[in-house]
């Protein structure tokens, strides 16, 4: 089951038509990245990924998180203390009568997840990211 909202009409460096996005992404990745959906907790194999490497936006291949910032949050989603600087942007998300901070790929605008101020040191932040929005590239 997915919950989400439609993306805002913004201009990002990487642009594709909706047909191009649909043909290049799995249905789950499309729902998350392009329609701001949320995958069910505990369903992503990337939640258990422990190897050294880079997590890329599944929509455009931009590196968005490094493995050394990943931690086990117990939430069922891959979680990180910080994104790759300049490659992830945020905006306020007030969907579902909540106020949260949404994280999206700065290159293609794809919805990645949300960021919360309850993570571990050194940042104190928890970037709670949908595994369907990511691809992993080991070192």
N, C-alpha and C. Protein backbone atom coordinates (compact mmCIF):
# COMPACT_ATOMS: atom_id res chain seq x y z
N UNK A 1 0.85 -1.17 0.00
CA UNK A 1 0.00 0.00 0.00
C UNK A 1 0.89 1.24 0.00
N UNK A 2 0.50 2.23 -0.76
CA UNK A 2 1.27 3.45 -0.86
C UNK A 2 0.44 4.63 -0.39
N UNK A 3 1.12 5.60 0.21
CA UNK A 3 0.51 6.84 0.60
C UNK A 3 1.37 7.93 -0.02
N UNK A 4 0.80 8.95 -0.56
CA UNK A 4 1.64 9.98 -1.14
C UNK A 4 0.86 11.11 -1.76
N UNK A 5 1.60 11.95 -2.45
CA UNK A 5 1.01 13.10 -3.12
C UNK A 5 1.75 13.29 -4.43
N UNK A 6 1.17 14.03 -5.32
CA UNK A 6 1.80 14.32 -6.60
C UNK A 6 2.95 15.30 -6.41
N UNK A 7 4.03 15.15 -7.19
CA UNK A 7 5.15 16.09 -7.07
C UNK A 7 4.77 17.47 -7.55
N UNK A 8 5.44 18.47 -6.98
CA UNK A 8 5.24 19.84 -7.43
C UNK A 8 5.84 20.01 -8.81
N UNK A 9 5.29 20.92 -9.59
CA UNK A 9 5.81 21.19 -10.92
C UNK A 9 7.00 22.13 -10.79
N UNK A 10 8.19 21.55 -10.71
CA UNK A 10 9.40 22.33 -10.55
C UNK A 10 10.38 21.98 -11.67
N UNK A 11 11.33 22.82 -11.86
CA UNK A 11 12.35 22.57 -12.86
C UNK A 11 13.60 22.03 -12.18
N UNK A 12 14.03 20.86 -12.60
CA UNK A 12 15.24 20.23 -12.09
C UNK A 12 16.18 20.00 -13.27
N UNK A 13 17.48 19.87 -13.02
CA UNK A 13 18.43 19.67 -14.12
C UNK A 13 18.11 18.47 -15.01
N UNK A 14 17.61 17.39 -14.40
CA UNK A 14 17.25 16.20 -15.18
C UNK A 14 15.74 16.20 -15.38
N UNK A 15 15.33 16.28 -16.61
CA UNK A 15 13.91 16.32 -16.97
C UNK A 15 13.56 15.13 -17.86
N UNK A 16 12.41 14.53 -17.63
CA UNK A 16 11.88 13.46 -18.48
C UNK A 16 10.37 13.61 -18.53
N UNK A 17 9.78 13.10 -19.58
CA UNK A 17 8.33 13.09 -19.66
C UNK A 17 7.81 12.01 -18.71
N UNK A 18 6.53 12.06 -18.39
CA UNK A 18 5.96 11.03 -17.53
C UNK A 18 6.09 9.65 -18.19
N UNK A 19 5.93 9.59 -19.50
CA UNK A 19 6.09 8.31 -20.21
C UNK A 19 7.52 7.79 -20.08
N UNK A 20 8.50 8.68 -20.15
CA UNK A 20 9.90 8.27 -19.99
C UNK A 20 10.16 7.78 -18.57
N UNK A 21 9.61 8.49 -17.56
CA UNK A 21 9.78 8.03 -16.19
C UNK A 21 9.14 6.66 -16.01
N UNK A 22 7.93 6.49 -16.51
CA UNK A 22 7.23 5.20 -16.35
C UNK A 22 7.99 4.06 -17.00
N UNK A 23 8.58 4.31 -18.16
CA UNK A 23 9.29 3.23 -18.86
C UNK A 23 10.66 2.93 -18.25
N UNK A 24 11.24 3.87 -17.52
CA UNK A 24 12.58 3.66 -16.96
C UNK A 24 12.57 3.20 -15.51
N UNK A 25 11.41 3.24 -14.84
CA UNK A 25 11.32 2.87 -13.42
C UNK A 25 10.38 1.69 -13.23
N UNK A 26 10.64 0.91 -12.19
CA UNK A 26 9.68 -0.13 -11.82
C UNK A 26 8.41 0.56 -11.32
N UNK A 27 7.28 -0.13 -11.31
CA UNK A 27 6.06 0.50 -10.79
C UNK A 27 6.21 1.02 -9.37
N UNK A 28 6.93 0.29 -8.52
CA UNK A 28 7.13 0.73 -7.14
C UNK A 28 8.00 1.99 -7.09
N UNK A 29 9.10 1.98 -7.84
CA UNK A 29 9.98 3.15 -7.86
C UNK A 29 9.25 4.36 -8.44
N UNK A 30 8.42 4.16 -9.46
CA UNK A 30 7.66 5.26 -10.03
C UNK A 30 6.71 5.85 -8.98
N UNK A 31 6.00 4.99 -8.27
CA UNK A 31 5.05 5.45 -7.26
C UNK A 31 5.75 6.27 -6.18
N UNK A 32 6.93 5.82 -5.74
CA UNK A 32 7.66 6.53 -4.70
C UNK A 32 8.28 7.82 -5.24
N UNK A 33 9.10 7.69 -6.29
CA UNK A 33 9.86 8.83 -6.80
C UNK A 33 9.01 9.91 -7.45
N UNK A 34 8.03 9.53 -8.24
CA UNK A 34 7.28 10.50 -9.03
C UNK A 34 5.94 10.90 -8.42
N UNK A 35 5.37 10.01 -7.57
CA UNK A 35 4.07 10.32 -6.97
C UNK A 35 4.16 10.49 -5.45
N UNK A 36 5.37 10.58 -4.92
CA UNK A 36 5.60 10.80 -3.50
C UNK A 36 5.00 9.71 -2.63
N UNK A 37 5.05 8.48 -3.12
CA UNK A 37 4.53 7.36 -2.35
C UNK A 37 5.49 6.94 -1.26
N UNK A 38 5.03 6.00 -0.43
CA UNK A 38 5.85 5.43 0.62
C UNK A 38 5.72 3.92 0.56
N UNK A 39 6.86 3.24 0.48
CA UNK A 39 6.81 1.79 0.49
C UNK A 39 6.51 1.29 1.90
N UNK A 40 5.98 0.09 1.99
CA UNK A 40 5.68 -0.51 3.30
C UNK A 40 6.98 -0.73 4.07
N UNK A 41 6.98 -0.46 5.34
CA UNK A 41 8.17 -0.66 6.19
C UNK A 41 8.63 -2.10 6.11
N UNK A 42 9.95 -2.28 6.09
CA UNK A 42 10.53 -3.62 6.11
C UNK A 42 10.55 -4.35 4.79
N UNK A 43 10.15 -3.69 3.70
CA UNK A 43 10.07 -4.38 2.41
C UNK A 43 11.30 -4.19 1.53
N UNK A 44 12.18 -3.26 1.86
CA UNK A 44 13.34 -3.01 1.01
C UNK A 44 14.54 -3.83 1.43
N UNK A 45 15.15 -4.56 0.48
CA UNK A 45 16.39 -5.27 0.81
C UNK A 45 17.53 -4.31 1.16
N UNK A 46 17.44 -3.06 0.75
CA UNK A 46 18.49 -2.09 1.08
C UNK A 46 18.52 -1.73 2.55
N UNK A 47 17.46 -2.04 3.27
CA UNK A 47 17.45 -1.77 4.71
C UNK A 47 18.55 -2.58 5.40
N UNK A 48 18.85 -3.77 4.87
CA UNK A 48 19.85 -4.65 5.47
C UNK A 48 21.23 -4.51 4.80
N UNK A 49 21.37 -3.62 3.85
CA UNK A 49 22.64 -3.46 3.13
C UNK A 49 23.71 -2.91 4.07
N UNK A 50 24.83 -3.65 4.19
CA UNK A 50 25.90 -3.26 5.12
C UNK A 50 27.24 -3.01 4.42
N UNK A 51 27.32 -3.27 3.11
CA UNK A 51 28.60 -3.11 2.42
C UNK A 51 28.96 -1.63 2.24
N UNK A 52 30.23 -1.40 2.01
CA UNK A 52 30.71 -0.05 1.72
C UNK A 52 30.32 0.31 0.30
N UNK A 53 29.83 1.53 0.12
CA UNK A 53 29.44 1.94 -1.22
C UNK A 53 28.61 3.20 -1.21
N UNK A 54 27.88 3.39 -2.30
CA UNK A 54 27.10 4.60 -2.51
C UNK A 54 25.66 4.23 -2.80
N UNK A 55 24.74 5.00 -2.25
CA UNK A 55 23.32 4.86 -2.55
C UNK A 55 22.97 5.94 -3.55
N UNK A 56 22.43 5.53 -4.70
CA UNK A 56 22.12 6.43 -5.80
C UNK A 56 20.62 6.62 -5.92
N UNK A 57 20.20 7.77 -6.45
CA UNK A 57 18.79 7.98 -6.78
C UNK A 57 18.43 6.97 -7.86
N UNK A 58 17.39 6.19 -7.64
CA UNK A 58 16.97 5.18 -8.62
C UNK A 58 16.40 5.81 -9.88
N UNK A 59 16.06 7.09 -9.81
CA UNK A 59 15.52 7.76 -10.98
C UNK A 59 16.56 8.27 -11.94
N UNK A 60 17.69 8.74 -11.40
CA UNK A 60 18.67 9.39 -12.29
C UNK A 60 20.12 8.99 -12.03
N UNK A 61 20.38 8.20 -10.99
CA UNK A 61 21.74 7.75 -10.72
C UNK A 61 22.61 8.71 -9.94
N UNK A 62 22.06 9.80 -9.46
CA UNK A 62 22.82 10.76 -8.67
C UNK A 62 23.15 10.15 -7.31
N UNK A 63 24.42 10.21 -6.85
CA UNK A 63 24.74 9.72 -5.51
C UNK A 63 24.05 10.59 -4.46
N UNK A 64 23.24 9.97 -3.60
CA UNK A 64 22.49 10.73 -2.61
C UNK A 64 22.89 10.43 -1.16
N UNK A 65 23.41 9.23 -0.89
CA UNK A 65 23.87 8.88 0.45
C UNK A 65 25.08 7.96 0.35
N UNK A 66 25.97 8.05 1.33
CA UNK A 66 27.15 7.19 1.42
C UNK A 66 26.89 6.13 2.49
N UNK A 67 27.45 4.95 2.31
CA UNK A 67 27.21 3.86 3.25
C UNK A 67 27.70 4.16 4.66
N UNK A 68 28.72 5.00 4.80
CA UNK A 68 29.23 5.28 6.15
C UNK A 68 28.30 6.21 6.95
N UNK A 69 27.24 6.71 6.33
CA UNK A 69 26.25 7.51 7.06
C UNK A 69 24.98 6.70 7.37
N UNK A 70 24.94 5.43 6.93
CA UNK A 70 23.76 4.59 7.15
C UNK A 70 23.79 4.02 8.56
N UNK A 71 22.60 3.91 9.17
CA UNK A 71 22.49 3.31 10.50
C UNK A 71 21.17 2.57 10.61
N UNK A 72 21.07 1.68 11.57
CA UNK A 72 19.85 0.92 11.82
C UNK A 72 18.96 1.73 12.75
N UNK A 73 17.85 2.24 12.19
CA UNK A 73 16.94 3.08 12.98
C UNK A 73 15.82 2.29 13.63
N UNK A 74 15.61 1.04 13.18
CA UNK A 74 14.51 0.25 13.71
C UNK A 74 13.16 0.62 13.13
N UNK A 75 13.15 1.49 12.11
CA UNK A 75 11.88 1.93 11.52
C UNK A 75 11.41 1.04 10.37
N UNK A 76 12.32 0.27 9.77
CA UNK A 76 11.96 -0.54 8.62
C UNK A 76 12.32 0.10 7.29
N UNK A 77 12.93 1.27 7.33
CA UNK A 77 13.40 1.95 6.12
C UNK A 77 14.89 2.23 6.25
N UNK A 78 15.62 2.24 5.14
CA UNK A 78 17.03 2.65 5.22
C UNK A 78 17.11 4.06 5.80
N UNK A 79 18.03 4.23 6.75
CA UNK A 79 18.16 5.53 7.42
C UNK A 79 19.62 5.97 7.40
N UNK A 80 19.81 7.27 7.30
CA UNK A 80 21.13 7.86 7.16
C UNK A 80 21.22 9.10 8.06
N UNK A 81 22.46 9.44 8.46
CA UNK A 81 22.64 10.64 9.29
C UNK A 81 22.80 11.90 8.45
N UNK A 82 23.19 11.75 7.17
CA UNK A 82 23.39 12.93 6.31
C UNK A 82 23.42 12.50 4.85
N UNK A 83 22.96 13.37 3.95
CA UNK A 83 23.03 13.08 2.52
C UNK A 83 24.37 13.53 1.94
N UNK A 84 24.59 13.17 0.68
CA UNK A 84 25.73 13.72 -0.06
C UNK A 84 25.45 15.20 -0.26
N UNK A 85 26.38 16.03 0.18
CA UNK A 85 26.17 17.48 0.14
C UNK A 85 25.83 17.96 -1.28
N UNK A 86 24.75 18.73 -1.35
CA UNK A 86 24.33 19.32 -2.62
C UNK A 86 23.48 18.43 -3.50
N UNK A 87 23.36 17.14 -3.16
CA UNK A 87 22.62 16.22 -4.03
C UNK A 87 21.21 15.89 -3.54
N UNK A 88 20.89 16.31 -2.33
CA UNK A 88 19.55 16.10 -1.77
C UNK A 88 19.04 17.44 -1.28
N UNK A 89 17.80 17.75 -1.64
CA UNK A 89 17.17 19.00 -1.21
C UNK A 89 15.96 18.66 -0.34
N UNK A 90 15.48 19.64 0.39
CA UNK A 90 14.32 19.42 1.26
C UNK A 90 13.28 20.50 1.04
N UNK A 91 12.07 20.18 1.43
CA UNK A 91 10.97 21.15 1.43
C UNK A 91 9.94 20.69 2.44
N UNK A 92 9.11 21.62 2.89
CA UNK A 92 8.06 21.27 3.85
C UNK A 92 7.01 20.42 3.16
N UNK A 93 6.57 19.39 3.85
CA UNK A 93 5.53 18.49 3.38
C UNK A 93 4.41 18.54 4.41
N UNK A 94 3.27 19.08 4.01
CA UNK A 94 2.15 19.18 4.94
C UNK A 94 1.00 18.25 4.53
N UNK A 95 1.32 17.17 3.81
CA UNK A 95 0.29 16.21 3.43
C UNK A 95 -0.18 15.41 4.64
N UNK A 96 -1.38 14.87 4.56
CA UNK A 96 -1.96 14.03 5.60
C UNK A 96 -2.03 14.73 6.96
N UNK A 97 -2.24 16.03 6.94
CA UNK A 97 -2.43 16.82 8.15
C UNK A 97 -1.22 16.76 9.10
N UNK A 98 -0.03 16.58 8.51
CA UNK A 98 1.21 16.55 9.28
C UNK A 98 2.16 17.60 8.71
N UNK A 99 3.12 18.01 9.51
CA UNK A 99 4.20 18.88 9.02
C UNK A 99 5.48 18.09 9.15
N UNK A 100 6.05 17.78 7.98
CA UNK A 100 7.30 17.02 7.94
C UNK A 100 8.22 17.70 6.94
N UNK A 101 9.46 17.25 6.92
CA UNK A 101 10.42 17.74 5.94
C UNK A 101 10.67 16.63 4.93
N UNK A 102 10.31 16.89 3.68
CA UNK A 102 10.51 15.92 2.61
C UNK A 102 11.93 16.04 2.07
N UNK A 103 12.51 14.91 1.71
CA UNK A 103 13.82 14.87 1.04
C UNK A 103 13.59 14.44 -0.40
N UNK A 104 14.21 15.16 -1.33
CA UNK A 104 14.12 14.76 -2.73
C UNK A 104 15.46 14.93 -3.43
N UNK A 105 15.64 14.22 -4.53
CA UNK A 105 16.86 14.31 -5.31
C UNK A 105 16.95 15.70 -5.91
N UNK A 106 18.08 16.35 -5.71
CA UNK A 106 18.25 17.71 -6.23
C UNK A 106 18.43 17.72 -7.74
N UNK A 107 18.75 16.57 -8.33
CA UNK A 107 18.97 16.52 -9.79
C UNK A 107 17.69 16.27 -10.57
N UNK A 108 16.84 15.33 -10.09
CA UNK A 108 15.64 14.98 -10.86
C UNK A 108 14.34 15.30 -10.13
N UNK A 109 14.43 15.67 -8.85
CA UNK A 109 13.23 15.99 -8.08
C UNK A 109 12.51 14.79 -7.51
N UNK A 110 13.06 13.59 -7.70
CA UNK A 110 12.42 12.39 -7.20
C UNK A 110 12.30 12.37 -5.68
N UNK A 111 11.13 11.99 -5.20
CA UNK A 111 10.86 11.89 -3.76
C UNK A 111 11.69 10.74 -3.18
N UNK A 112 12.46 11.03 -2.15
CA UNK A 112 13.27 10.01 -1.50
C UNK A 112 12.67 9.54 -0.19
N UNK A 113 12.19 10.46 0.61
CA UNK A 113 11.65 10.13 1.93
C UNK A 113 11.50 11.39 2.76
N UNK A 114 11.77 11.28 4.06
CA UNK A 114 11.63 12.42 4.97
C UNK A 114 12.80 12.46 5.93
N UNK A 115 13.02 13.62 6.51
CA UNK A 115 14.10 13.80 7.47
C UNK A 115 13.51 14.24 8.81
N UNK A 116 14.04 13.64 9.89
CA UNK A 116 13.53 13.89 11.23
C UNK A 116 14.70 14.22 12.17
N UNK A 117 14.45 15.04 13.20
CA UNK A 117 15.52 15.43 14.12
C UNK A 117 15.69 14.47 15.30
N UNK A 118 15.64 13.16 15.02
CA UNK A 118 15.77 12.18 16.11
C UNK A 118 16.82 11.12 15.81
N UNK A 119 17.82 11.48 15.02
CA UNK A 119 18.87 10.54 14.66
C UNK A 119 20.06 10.59 15.61
N UNK A 120 21.03 9.71 15.35
CA UNK A 120 22.23 9.67 16.20
C UNK A 120 23.23 10.77 15.85
N UNK A 121 24.23 10.89 16.66
CA UNK A 121 25.35 11.80 16.36
C UNK A 121 26.08 11.25 15.14
N UNK A 122 26.72 12.03 14.35
CA UNK A 122 27.14 13.39 14.66
C UNK A 122 26.12 14.46 14.27
N UNK A 123 25.07 14.12 13.52
CA UNK A 123 24.16 15.16 13.04
C UNK A 123 22.88 15.28 13.86
N UNK A 124 22.48 14.19 14.51
CA UNK A 124 21.20 14.19 15.23
C UNK A 124 20.01 14.08 14.29
N UNK A 125 20.27 13.85 13.00
CA UNK A 125 19.19 13.76 12.01
C UNK A 125 19.01 12.32 11.56
N UNK A 126 17.76 11.99 11.20
CA UNK A 126 17.44 10.68 10.63
C UNK A 126 16.80 10.90 9.27
N UNK A 127 17.55 10.62 8.22
CA UNK A 127 17.05 10.70 6.86
C UNK A 127 16.43 9.34 6.58
N UNK A 128 15.11 9.26 6.67
CA UNK A 128 14.34 8.03 6.52
C UNK A 128 13.95 7.91 5.05
N UNK A 129 14.58 6.98 4.34
CA UNK A 129 14.51 6.95 2.88
C UNK A 129 13.87 5.66 2.37
N UNK A 130 13.01 5.79 1.38
CA UNK A 130 12.39 4.64 0.73
C UNK A 130 13.46 3.89 -0.05
N UNK A 131 13.60 2.59 0.21
CA UNK A 131 14.55 1.79 -0.54
C UNK A 131 14.25 1.75 -2.02
N UNK A 132 12.97 1.86 -2.40
CA UNK A 132 12.58 1.85 -3.81
C UNK A 132 13.08 3.08 -4.54
N UNK A 133 13.46 4.12 -3.81
CA UNK A 133 13.99 5.35 -4.41
C UNK A 133 15.49 5.28 -4.60
N UNK A 134 16.10 4.16 -4.16
CA UNK A 134 17.56 4.05 -4.18
C UNK A 134 18.04 2.85 -4.99
N UNK A 135 19.27 2.96 -5.44
CA UNK A 135 20.04 1.83 -5.96
C UNK A 135 21.35 1.84 -5.20
N UNK A 136 21.92 0.66 -4.97
CA UNK A 136 23.18 0.60 -4.24
C UNK A 136 24.31 0.22 -5.19
N UNK A 137 25.41 0.95 -5.09
CA UNK A 137 26.60 0.65 -5.87
C UNK A 137 27.74 0.39 -4.89
N UNK A 138 28.17 -0.90 -4.76
CA UNK A 138 29.25 -1.20 -3.81
C UNK A 138 30.58 -0.63 -4.29
N UNK A 139 31.47 -0.36 -3.33
CA UNK A 139 32.83 0.10 -3.66
C UNK A 139 33.62 -1.01 -4.32
